């Protein structure tokens, strides 16, 4: 599809959203290759990391950490529970809430993938300082976009 005014906007290759999209796809592919041998998807990996880092979490709190809605998170947790990676139990303090905790197998799997961040960093070809700067820039961008979206 061509524009009647080609100079009116940026080409797809000049769009920051397209650069982010292609970067995310490249990260997905890199993680998919590394996680395959551990029987994990990327969403399962980040869920394991979040629960491992923060301890048992309510489903709602886990969704906030991962920025996933319950419609996406519930099936993910169901698959992880079926695989023996997490347990979901009612919160004794509030029966309406469900707590998610790692099982022994989940902790073992998390330990097995502990070196993935270093492997990905090495594959990126960026220095530690460049990665730290990129992370800082992405955090700022995310916070700004989320703030502006909530208005």
C-alpha atoms as a PDB file:
ATOM      1  CA  UNK A   1       0.000   0.000   0.000  1.00  0.00           C
ATOM      2  CA  UNK A   2       1.434   3.354  -0.970  1.00  0.00           C
ATOM      3  CA  UNK A   3       0.746   6.715   0.558  1.00  0.00           C
ATOM      4  CA  UNK A   4      -0.442   9.647  -1.543  1.00  0.00           C
ATOM      5  CA  UNK A   5       2.097  11.735   0.387  1.00  0.00           C
ATOM      6  CA  UNK A   6       5.230   9.601   0.906  1.00  0.00           C
ATOM      7  CA  UNK A   7       7.014  12.344   2.871  1.00  0.00           C
ATOM      8  CA  UNK A   8       4.162  12.669   5.397  1.00  0.00           C
ATOM      9  CA  UNK A   9       5.338   9.979   7.772  1.00  0.00           C
ATOM     10  CA  UNK A  10       8.131   7.671   8.718  1.00  0.00           C
ATOM     11  CA  UNK A  11       8.777   4.458   6.862  1.00  0.00           C
ATOM     12  CA  UNK A  12       8.158   1.248   8.786  1.00  0.00           C
ATOM     13  CA  UNK A  13      11.913   0.820   9.315  1.00  0.00           C
ATOM     14  CA  UNK A  14      12.045   4.262  10.955  1.00  0.00           C
ATOM     15  CA  UNK A  15       9.229   3.545  13.429  1.00  0.00           C
ATOM     16  CA  UNK A  16      10.344   2.924  17.032  1.00  0.00           C
ATOM     17  CA  UNK A  17       7.411   0.531  17.465  1.00  0.00           C
ATOM     18  CA  UNK A  18       8.688  -1.571  14.564  1.00  0.00           C
ATOM     19  CA  UNK A  19      12.205  -1.627  16.023  1.00  0.00           C
ATOM     20  CA  UNK A  20      10.733  -2.756  19.357  1.00  0.00           C
ATOM     21  CA  UNK A  21       8.599  -5.380  17.610  1.00  0.00           C
ATOM     22  CA  UNK A  22      11.535  -6.881  15.730  1.00  0.00           C
ATOM     23  CA  UNK A  23      13.709  -6.805  18.864  1.00  0.00           C
ATOM     24  CA  UNK A  24      11.045  -8.597  20.903  1.00  0.00           C
ATOM     25  CA  UNK A  25      10.733 -11.242  18.184  1.00  0.00           C
ATOM     26  CA  UNK A  26      14.514 -11.733  18.184  1.00  0.00           C
ATOM     27  CA  UNK A  27      14.522 -12.064  21.995  1.00  0.00           C
ATOM     28  CA  UNK A  28      11.624 -14.515  21.813  1.00  0.00           C
ATOM     29  CA  UNK A  29      13.538 -16.677  19.344  1.00  0.00           C
ATOM     30  CA  UNK A  30      16.725 -16.593  21.444  1.00  0.00           C
ATOM     31  CA  UNK A  31      14.867 -17.488  24.635  1.00  0.00           C
ATOM     32  CA  UNK A  32      12.764 -20.140  22.867  1.00  0.00           C
ATOM     33  CA  UNK A  33      15.938 -21.929  21.770  1.00  0.00           C
ATOM     34  CA  UNK A  34      17.481 -21.779  25.249  1.00  0.00           C
ATOM     35  CA  UNK A  35      14.300 -22.656  27.145  1.00  0.00           C
ATOM     36  CA  UNK A  36      13.263 -25.536  24.887  1.00  0.00           C
ATOM     37  CA  UNK A  37      15.753 -27.926  26.526  1.00  0.00           C
ATOM     38  CA  UNK A  38      14.191 -27.086  29.902  1.00  0.00           C
ATOM     39  CA  UNK A  39      10.625 -27.614  28.700  1.00  0.00           C
ATOM     40  CA  UNK A  40       9.648 -23.989  29.341  1.00  0.00           C
ATOM     41  CA  UNK A  41       8.046 -21.239  27.320  1.00  0.00           C
ATOM     42  CA  UNK A  42       9.151 -17.649  27.855  1.00  0.00           C
ATOM     43  CA  UNK A  43       5.944 -16.737  29.760  1.00  0.00           C
ATOM     44  CA  UNK A  44       6.492 -19.766  32.029  1.00  0.00           C
ATOM     45  CA  UNK A  45      10.096 -18.700  32.565  1.00  0.00           C
ATOM     46  CA  UNK A  46       9.201 -15.163  33.666  1.00  0.00           C
ATOM     47  CA  UNK A  47       6.380 -16.478  35.855  1.00  0.00           C
ATOM     48  CA  UNK A  48       8.816 -18.880  37.552  1.00  0.00           C
ATOM     49  CA  UNK A  49      11.280 -16.038  38.031  1.00  0.00           C
ATOM     50  CA  UNK A  50       8.632 -13.737  39.550  1.00  0.00           C
ATOM     51  CA  UNK A  51       7.287 -16.343  41.962  1.00  0.00           C
ATOM     52  CA  UNK A  52      10.813 -17.459  42.832  1.00  0.00           C
ATOM     53  CA  UNK A  53      11.894 -13.887  43.529  1.00  0.00           C
ATOM     54  CA  UNK A  54       8.823 -12.669  45.403  1.00  0.00           C
ATOM     55  CA  UNK A  55       7.718 -15.882  47.112  1.00  0.00           C
ATOM     56  CA  UNK A  56       4.109 -16.992  47.002  1.00  0.00           C
ATOM     57  CA  UNK A  57       2.044 -14.372  45.186  1.00  0.00           C
ATOM     58  CA  UNK A  58      -1.638 -13.928  44.630  1.00  0.00           C
ATOM     59  CA  UNK A  59      -2.681 -14.402  41.023  1.00  0.00           C
ATOM     60  CA  UNK A  60      -3.508 -10.689  40.913  1.00  0.00           C
ATOM     61  CA  UNK A  61      -0.095  -9.651  42.229  1.00  0.00           C
ATOM     62  CA  UNK A  62       1.636 -11.998  39.782  1.00  0.00           C
ATOM     63  CA  UNK A  63      -0.384 -10.479  36.952  1.00  0.00           C
ATOM     64  CA  UNK A  64       0.773  -7.003  38.018  1.00  0.00           C
ATOM     65  CA  UNK A  65       4.426  -8.072  38.145  1.00  0.00           C
ATOM     66  CA  UNK A  66       4.222  -9.739  34.723  1.00  0.00           C
ATOM     67  CA  UNK A  67       1.819  -7.147  33.274  1.00  0.00           C
ATOM     68  CA  UNK A  68      -0.539  -9.916  32.196  1.00  0.00           C
ATOM     69  CA  UNK A  69      -4.313  -9.940  32.545  1.00  0.00           C
ATOM     70  CA  UNK A  70      -6.099 -12.836  34.215  1.00  0.00           C
ATOM     71  CA  UNK A  71      -7.355 -14.151  30.863  1.00  0.00           C
ATOM     72  CA  UNK A  72      -3.744 -14.707  29.806  1.00  0.00           C
ATOM     73  CA  UNK A  73      -2.332 -15.634  33.206  1.00  0.00           C
ATOM     74  CA  UNK A  74      -4.910 -18.251  34.280  1.00  0.00           C
ATOM     75  CA  UNK A  75      -4.281 -20.693  31.392  1.00  0.00           C
ATOM     76  CA  UNK A  76      -0.530 -20.195  31.805  1.00  0.00           C
ATOM     77  CA  UNK A  77      -0.722 -21.071  35.512  1.00  0.00           C
ATOM     78  CA  UNK A  78      -2.979 -24.034  34.773  1.00  0.00           C
ATOM     79  CA  UNK A  79      -0.348 -25.456  32.381  1.00  0.00           C
ATOM     80  CA  UNK A  80       2.424 -24.779  34.889  1.00  0.00           C
ATOM     81  CA  UNK A  81       0.477 -26.489  37.651  1.00  0.00           C
ATOM     82  CA  UNK A  82      -0.191 -29.488  35.394  1.00  0.00           C
ATOM     83  CA  UNK A  83       3.569 -29.642  34.717  1.00  0.00           C
ATOM     84  CA  UNK A  84       4.237 -29.662  38.467  1.00  0.00           C
ATOM     85  CA  UNK A  85       6.049 -26.311  38.490  1.00  0.00           C
ATOM     86  CA  UNK A  86       3.657 -24.333  40.712  1.00  0.00           C
ATOM     87  CA  UNK A  87       0.912 -24.941  43.222  1.00  0.00           C
ATOM     88  CA  UNK A  88      -2.217 -22.813  43.345  1.00  0.00           C
ATOM     89  CA  UNK A  89      -3.999 -22.718  46.682  1.00  0.00           C
ATOM     90  CA  UNK A  90      -6.629 -20.561  48.325  1.00  0.00           C
ATOM     91  CA  UNK A  91      -5.200 -17.847  50.549  1.00  0.00           C
ATOM     92  CA  UNK A  92      -6.088 -18.827  54.143  1.00  0.00           C
ATOM     93  CA  UNK A  93      -6.356 -15.121  55.003  1.00  0.00           C
ATOM     94  CA  UNK A  94      -8.845 -14.467  52.170  1.00  0.00           C
ATOM     95  CA  UNK A  95     -10.489 -17.425  50.434  1.00  0.00           C
ATOM     96  CA  UNK A  96     -11.308 -15.260  47.406  1.00  0.00           C
ATOM     97  CA  UNK A  97      -7.614 -14.996  46.525  1.00  0.00           C
ATOM     98  CA  UNK A  98      -5.458 -17.720  45.012  1.00  0.00           C
ATOM     99  CA  UNK A  99      -1.787 -17.979  45.930  1.00  0.00           C
ATOM    100  CA  UNK A 100       0.827 -19.215  43.485  1.00  0.00           C
ATOM    101  CA  UNK A 101       3.951 -20.868  44.903  1.00  0.00           C
ATOM    102  CA  UNK A 102       6.841 -22.779  43.369  1.00  0.00           C
ATOM    103  CA  UNK A 103       6.959 -26.518  43.872  1.00  0.00           C
ATOM    104  CA  UNK A 104      10.224 -28.359  44.395  1.00  0.00           C
ATOM    105  CA  UNK A 105      10.247 -29.119  40.669  1.00  0.00           C
ATOM    106  CA  UNK A 106       9.663 -25.442  39.922  1.00  0.00           C
ATOM    107  CA  UNK A 107      12.608 -24.428  42.112  1.00  0.00           C
ATOM    108  CA  UNK A 108      14.779 -27.063  40.428  1.00  0.00           C
ATOM    109  CA  UNK A 109      13.782 -25.807  36.970  1.00  0.00           C
ATOM    110  CA  UNK A 110      14.452 -22.211  38.002  1.00  0.00           C
ATOM    111  CA  UNK A 111      17.925 -23.187  39.217  1.00  0.00           C
ATOM    112  CA  UNK A 112      18.563 -24.978  35.921  1.00  0.00           C
ATOM    113  CA  UNK A 113      17.895 -21.800  33.936  1.00  0.00           C
ATOM    114  CA  UNK A 114      19.715 -19.417  36.288  1.00  0.00           C
ATOM    115  CA  UNK A 115      22.465 -18.694  33.748  1.00  0.00           C
ATOM    116  CA  UNK A 116      20.076 -17.671  30.957  1.00  0.00           C
ATOM    117  CA  UNK A 117      20.380 -13.909  31.574  1.00  0.00           C
ATOM    118  CA  UNK A 118      24.178 -14.096  31.180  1.00  0.00           C
ATOM    119  CA  UNK A 119      23.811 -16.204  28.044  1.00  0.00           C
ATOM    120  CA  UNK A 120      21.337 -13.743  26.519  1.00  0.00           C
ATOM    121  CA  UNK A 121      23.566 -10.806  27.502  1.00  0.00           C
ATOM    122  CA  UNK A 122      26.505 -12.445  25.761  1.00  0.00           C
ATOM    123  CA  UNK A 123      24.411 -13.170  22.665  1.00  0.00           C
ATOM    124  CA  UNK A 124      23.265  -9.544  22.529  1.00  0.00           C
ATOM    125  CA  UNK A 125      26.771  -8.349  21.689  1.00  0.00           C
ATOM    126  CA  UNK A 126      26.266  -5.365  24.006  1.00  0.00           C
ATOM    127  CA  UNK A 127      28.527  -4.452  26.895  1.00  0.00           C
ATOM    128  CA  UNK A 128      27.310  -4.520  30.482  1.00  0.00           C
ATOM    129  CA  UNK A 129      27.127  -0.700  30.440  1.00  0.00           C
ATOM    130  CA  UNK A 130      25.171  -0.689  27.167  1.00  0.00           C
ATOM    131  CA  UNK A 131      22.725  -3.256  28.524  1.00  0.00           C
ATOM    132  CA  UNK A 132      22.268  -1.236  31.729  1.00  0.00           C
ATOM    133  CA  UNK A 133      21.636   1.937  29.706  1.00  0.00           C
ATOM    134  CA  UNK A 134      19.195   0.116  27.428  1.00  0.00           C
ATOM    135  CA  UNK A 135      17.345  -1.290  30.440  1.00  0.00           C
ATOM    136  CA  UNK A 136      17.112   2.175  31.989  1.00  0.00           C
ATOM    137  CA  UNK A 137      15.815   3.676  28.741  1.00  0.00           C
ATOM    138  CA  UNK A 138      13.237   0.897  28.316  1.00  0.00           C
ATOM    139  CA  UNK A 139      12.056   1.297  31.930  1.00  0.00           C
ATOM    140  CA  UNK A 140      11.586   5.033  31.364  1.00  0.00           C
ATOM    141  CA  UNK A 141       9.789   4.469  28.068  1.00  0.00           C
ATOM    142  CA  UNK A 142       7.477   1.866  29.596  1.00  0.00           C
ATOM    143  CA  UNK A 143       6.633   4.056  32.590  1.00  0.00           C
ATOM    144  CA  UNK A 144       5.939   7.061  30.358  1.00  0.00           C
ATOM    145  CA  UNK A 145       3.750   5.124  27.928  1.00  0.00           C
ATOM    146  CA  UNK A 146       1.819   3.430  30.747  1.00  0.00           C
ATOM    147  CA  UNK A 147       1.283   6.763  32.500  1.00  0.00           C
ATOM    148  CA  UNK A 148       0.092   8.414  29.276  1.00  0.00           C
ATOM    149  CA  UNK A 149      -2.188   5.453  28.477  1.00  0.00           C
ATOM    150  CA  UNK A 150      -3.920   5.726  31.882  1.00  0.00           C
ATOM    151  CA  UNK A 151      -4.916   9.371  31.349  1.00  0.00           C
END
